[in-house]
Amino acid sequence: MNSVIIPAAGRGKRIGGPTPKQYLEIAGESILSRTLRQVQSCPDVDAIIVATGEGELRTVLDIAERAGITKLVQIVIGGAERQDSVVRGLEAIRPEGAGVVTVHDAVRPFAAASLFSSVIRRARETGAAIAAQFVADTVKQIDGDRIVGTIDRTKVVLAQTPQAFRYGILRSALDAATREGWRGTDEASVVERAGYPVSVVAGSLKKKKVTRPEDLSFAEAIARRLDD
């Protein structure tokens, strides 16, 4: 069984306002609802687990019901940080029969079903795979406000989600990080630290994460184009 964990317990401080960003609406529908519908539409996904904030279980359930999400199998209380939420989501998956586990940002609502399939299939083959955007601009290394070098852009990608892993690989990597008190910026960094290779599948700028206020207008434009 292939499962998708959606960490949705963050408060979205960079975007401002009292409403967590995953519940903000773009083109009349919450970001989380759009994300769930994209995951639901992937034939390679069997189960969805959402890790949310305490007191928001009913909110997530209502969103899922309105969106017709039938693959949602559990809503868990997330942790203080993203990694904690992923650990709690992973604990909801039975090891017996667990296949590929994918982690996807709640506020990345335009990842297509085909991208999930590509990442899941690659993870099945290699053990771990992530969506990433290849870099078109020249990349500079800086120290403060001074450039100290130019980096070969063919050797750099911008990590995105979905990120998919065989269950055992993600489990052992997260267990080691928890024991040692180490925090990664994404799941791939945790898996890399544990010594596992991670493959890359091409993502795109359209898979942008909604993080800052200006991202909302960008997402609104994409949503209206997709909804037409």
Protein backbone atom coordinates (compact mmCIF):
# COMPACT_ATOMS: atom_id res chain seq x y z
CA MET A 1 0.00 0.00 0.00
CA ASN A 2 1.33 3.41 -0.98
CA SER A 3 0.58 6.19 1.48
CA VAL A 4 0.90 9.98 1.36
CA ILE A 5 1.56 11.98 4.52
CA ILE A 6 0.53 15.63 4.36
CA PRO A 7 2.02 17.69 7.22
CA ALA A 8 -0.53 20.46 7.80
CA ALA A 9 0.14 21.56 11.37
CA GLY A 10 2.17 24.66 10.50
CA ARG A 11 0.94 28.15 11.32
CA GLY A 12 2.40 29.88 8.26
CA LYS A 13 4.06 32.76 10.09
CA ARG A 14 5.74 34.15 6.98
CA ILE A 15 2.42 34.68 5.24
CA GLY A 16 0.91 36.53 8.21
CA GLY A 17 -2.68 36.71 9.45
CA PRO A 18 -4.62 34.59 11.94
CA THR A 19 -5.54 31.78 9.53
CA PRO A 20 -2.97 29.02 8.87
CA LYS A 21 -2.02 29.24 5.20
CA GLN A 22 -3.27 25.75 4.34
CA TYR A 23 -6.81 26.96 5.07
CA LEU A 24 -6.59 30.14 3.01
CA GLU A 25 -8.65 30.13 -0.17
CA ILE A 26 -7.46 30.52 -3.73
CA ALA A 27 -10.16 30.95 -6.37
CA GLY A 28 -12.84 30.01 -3.82
CA GLU A 29 -11.30 26.80 -2.49
CA SER A 30 -8.90 26.20 0.38
CA ILE A 31 -5.30 25.38 -0.46
CA LEU A 32 -5.53 22.15 1.54
CA SER A 33 -8.63 21.08 -0.38
CA ARG A 34 -6.85 21.57 -3.70
CA THR A 35 -3.83 19.65 -2.44
CA LEU A 36 -5.97 16.76 -1.24
CA ARG A 37 -7.79 16.56 -4.57
CA GLN A 38 -4.52 16.35 -6.47
CA VAL A 39 -3.28 13.52 -4.24
CA GLN A 40 -6.65 11.74 -4.42
CA SER A 41 -6.49 11.75 -8.23
CA CYS A 42 -3.23 9.77 -8.37
CA PRO A 43 -3.91 6.07 -9.11
CA ASP A 44 -0.65 5.09 -7.38
CA VAL A 45 -1.83 6.50 -4.03
CA ASP A 46 -3.86 4.18 -1.81
CA ALA A 47 -4.08 6.12 1.46
CA ILE A 48 -3.77 9.70 2.69
CA ILE A 49 -2.78 10.74 6.22
CA VAL A 50 -3.00 14.38 7.31
CA ALA A 51 -1.07 15.67 10.33
CA THR A 52 -2.81 18.79 11.57
CA GLY A 53 -2.84 21.14 14.52
CA GLU A 54 -4.63 20.35 17.74
CA GLY A 55 -8.20 21.56 17.52
CA GLU A 56 -8.23 21.40 13.70
CA LEU A 57 -9.28 17.77 13.21
CA ARG A 58 -12.87 18.76 12.43
CA THR A 59 -11.69 21.43 9.99
CA VAL A 60 -9.62 18.93 8.02
CA LEU A 61 -12.39 16.35 8.05
CA ASP A 62 -14.92 18.89 6.77
CA ILE A 63 -12.56 19.97 3.99
CA ALA A 64 -11.96 16.36 2.97
CA GLU A 65 -15.67 15.53 2.97
CA ARG A 66 -16.56 18.56 0.85
CA ALA A 67 -13.80 17.69 -1.63
CA GLY A 68 -14.90 14.06 -1.87
CA ILE A 69 -11.62 12.68 -0.55
CA THR A 70 -12.19 8.94 -0.14
CA LYS A 71 -8.52 7.96 0.34
CA LEU A 72 -8.15 9.84 3.64
CA VAL A 73 -7.62 7.09 6.22
CA GLN A 74 -6.45 9.05 9.25
CA ILE A 75 -5.97 12.54 10.66
CA VAL A 76 -3.30 12.80 13.37
CA ILE A 77 -2.14 15.61 15.62
CA GLY A 78 1.08 17.00 14.22
CA GLY A 79 4.11 18.10 16.16
CA ALA A 80 5.88 21.37 16.86
CA GLU A 81 7.93 21.07 13.68
CA ARG A 82 7.41 19.48 10.28
CA GLN A 83 9.66 16.50 11.06
CA ASP A 84 7.61 15.72 14.17
CA SER A 85 4.42 15.76 12.09
CA VAL A 86 5.92 13.37 9.54
CA VAL A 87 6.99 11.01 12.32
CA ARG A 88 3.46 10.99 13.72
CA GLY A 89 2.02 10.40 10.29
CA LEU A 90 4.42 7.52 9.73
CA GLU A 91 3.37 5.98 13.06
CA ALA A 92 -0.16 5.70 11.65
CA ILE A 93 1.06 3.37 8.88
CA ARG A 94 1.22 -0.34 9.60
CA PRO A 95 4.65 -1.73 8.62
CA GLU A 96 3.07 -4.92 7.30
CA GLY A 97 2.34 -4.33 3.64
CA ALA A 98 3.64 -0.75 3.69
CA GLY A 99 5.00 0.19 0.29
CA VAL A 100 6.18 3.65 -0.69
CA VAL A 101 5.51 6.54 1.68
CA THR A 102 5.29 9.98 0.10
CA VAL A 103 5.43 13.28 1.96
CA HIS A 104 3.84 16.30 0.32
CA ASP A 105 3.49 19.92 1.43
CA ALA A 106 -0.07 20.89 2.32
CA VAL A 107 0.53 24.26 0.63
CA ARG A 108 1.80 22.95 -2.69
CA PRO A 109 -1.61 22.51 -4.36
CA PHE A 110 -0.68 22.10 -8.02
CA ALA A 111 1.46 18.96 -8.07
CA ALA A 112 -0.14 16.80 -10.75
CA ALA A 113 -1.14 13.18 -10.28
CA SER A 114 1.44 12.24 -12.92
CA LEU A 115 4.21 13.79 -10.79
CA PHE A 116 3.15 11.75 -7.77
CA SER A 117 3.19 8.63 -9.92
CA SER A 118 6.64 9.42 -11.31
CA VAL A 119 8.14 10.03 -7.87
CA ILE A 120 6.48 6.96 -6.34
CA ARG A 121 7.63 4.68 -9.15
CA ARG A 122 11.17 6.03 -8.97
CA ALA A 123 11.23 5.50 -5.20
CA ARG A 124 10.00 1.96 -5.70
CA GLU A 125 12.96 1.36 -8.03
CA THR A 126 15.72 3.19 -6.17
CA GLY A 127 14.49 3.52 -2.58
CA ALA A 128 14.04 7.29 -2.47
CA ALA A 129 13.09 10.03 -4.94
CA ILE A 130 12.00 13.66 -4.83
CA ALA A 131 10.53 16.22 -7.19
CA ALA A 132 12.94 19.08 -7.82
CA GLN A 133 13.21 22.12 -10.04
CA PHE A 134 16.28 22.38 -12.20
CA VAL A 135 17.96 25.78 -12.09
CA ALA A 136 17.97 28.05 -15.14
CA ASP A 137 19.64 31.11 -13.60
CA THR A 138 23.31 31.51 -12.79
CA VAL A 139 23.92 30.52 -9.16
CA LYS A 140 26.26 32.61 -7.03
CA GLN A 141 27.84 31.72 -3.70
CA ILE A 142 27.92 34.65 -1.28
CA ASP A 143 29.46 35.70 2.01
CA GLY A 144 27.26 38.40 3.50
CA ASP A 145 26.53 40.72 0.57
CA ARG A 146 29.60 39.76 -1.46
CA ILE A 147 29.87 37.15 -4.20
CA VAL A 148 32.65 34.67 -3.50
CA GLY A 149 32.08 32.24 -6.36
CA THR A 150 29.85 30.87 -9.10
CA ILE A 151 28.31 27.41 -8.71
CA ASP A 152 27.80 25.04 -11.62
CA ARG A 153 24.02 25.21 -12.03
CA THR A 154 23.93 21.79 -13.69
CA LYS A 155 24.84 20.34 -10.29
CA VAL A 156 22.11 22.21 -8.35
CA VAL A 157 18.37 21.62 -8.00
CA LEU A 158 15.68 23.21 -5.82
CA ALA A 159 13.98 20.53 -3.74
CA GLN A 160 10.21 20.34 -3.89
CA THR A 161 7.58 17.81 -2.89
CA PRO A 162 6.30 15.15 -3.36
CA GLN A 163 9.18 13.23 -1.80
CA ALA A 164 8.79 9.45 -1.78
CA PHE A 165 10.61 6.66 0.05
CA ARG A 166 10.32 2.98 0.69
CA TYR A 167 8.75 2.67 4.12
CA GLY A 168 11.76 1.01 5.77
CA ILE A 169 14.19 3.66 4.52
CA LEU A 170 12.13 6.59 5.81
CA ARG A 171 11.40 4.83 9.08
CA SER A 172 15.05 4.04 9.86
CA ALA A 173 16.25 7.50 8.81
CA LEU A 174 13.67 9.31 10.95
CA ASP A 175 14.31 7.01 13.91
CA ALA A 176 18.04 7.78 13.75
CA ALA A 177 17.42 11.53 13.46
CA THR A 178 15.03 11.43 16.44
CA ARG A 179 17.52 9.52 18.60
CA GLU A 180 20.28 11.96 17.79
CA GLY A 181 18.16 15.12 18.01
CA TRP A 182 18.92 16.08 14.41
CA ARG A 183 16.52 18.21 12.34
CA GLY A 184 16.36 18.25 8.57
CA THR A 185 14.82 20.87 6.33
CA ASP A 186 13.02 18.17 4.35
CA GLU A 187 12.65 14.40 4.42
CA ALA A 188 15.31 13.90 1.75
CA SER A 189 17.91 15.58 3.96
CA VAL A 190 17.10 13.13 6.76
CA VAL A 191 17.36 10.16 4.40
CA GLU A 192 20.60 11.48 2.86
CA ARG A 193 22.14 11.85 6.33
CA ALA A 194 21.31 8.22 7.04
CA GLY A 195 23.40 7.23 4.02
CA TYR A 196 20.71 6.43 1.47
CA PRO A 197 20.90 7.74 -2.12
CA VAL A 198 18.03 9.94 -3.29
CA SER A 199 16.98 10.24 -6.93
CA VAL A 200 15.53 13.35 -8.59
CA VAL A 201 12.41 13.66 -10.76
CA ALA A 202 11.84 16.93 -12.62
CA GLY A 203 9.26 19.20 -11.00
CA SER A 204 8.41 22.73 -12.17
CA LEU A 205 7.88 26.32 -11.10
CA LYS A 206 4.10 25.70 -11.17
CA LYS A 207 4.59 23.34 -8.21
CA LYS A 208 5.60 26.36 -6.13
CA LYS A 209 4.92 26.29 -2.40
CA VAL A 210 2.63 28.99 -1.02
CA THR A 211 4.85 30.60 1.62
CA ARG A 212 4.64 34.40 1.35
CA PRO A 213 1.77 36.83 0.66
CA GLU A 214 2.92 37.37 -2.93
CA ASP A 215 2.64 33.63 -3.57
CA LEU A 216 -1.13 33.84 -3.11
CA SER A 217 -1.66 35.96 -6.22
CA PHE A 218 0.57 33.61 -8.21
CA ALA A 219 -1.43 30.61 -6.94
CA GLU A 220 -4.72 32.40 -7.62
CA ALA A 221 -3.74 32.93 -11.27
CA ILE A 222 -2.78 29.27 -11.69
CA ALA A 223 -5.97 28.07 -9.98
CA ARG A 224 -8.25 30.20 -12.16
CA ARG A 225 -6.50 28.97 -15.29
CA LEU A 226 -6.82 25.34 -14.20
CA ASP A 227 -10.46 25.78 -13.14
CA ASP A 228 -11.56 27.33 -16.44
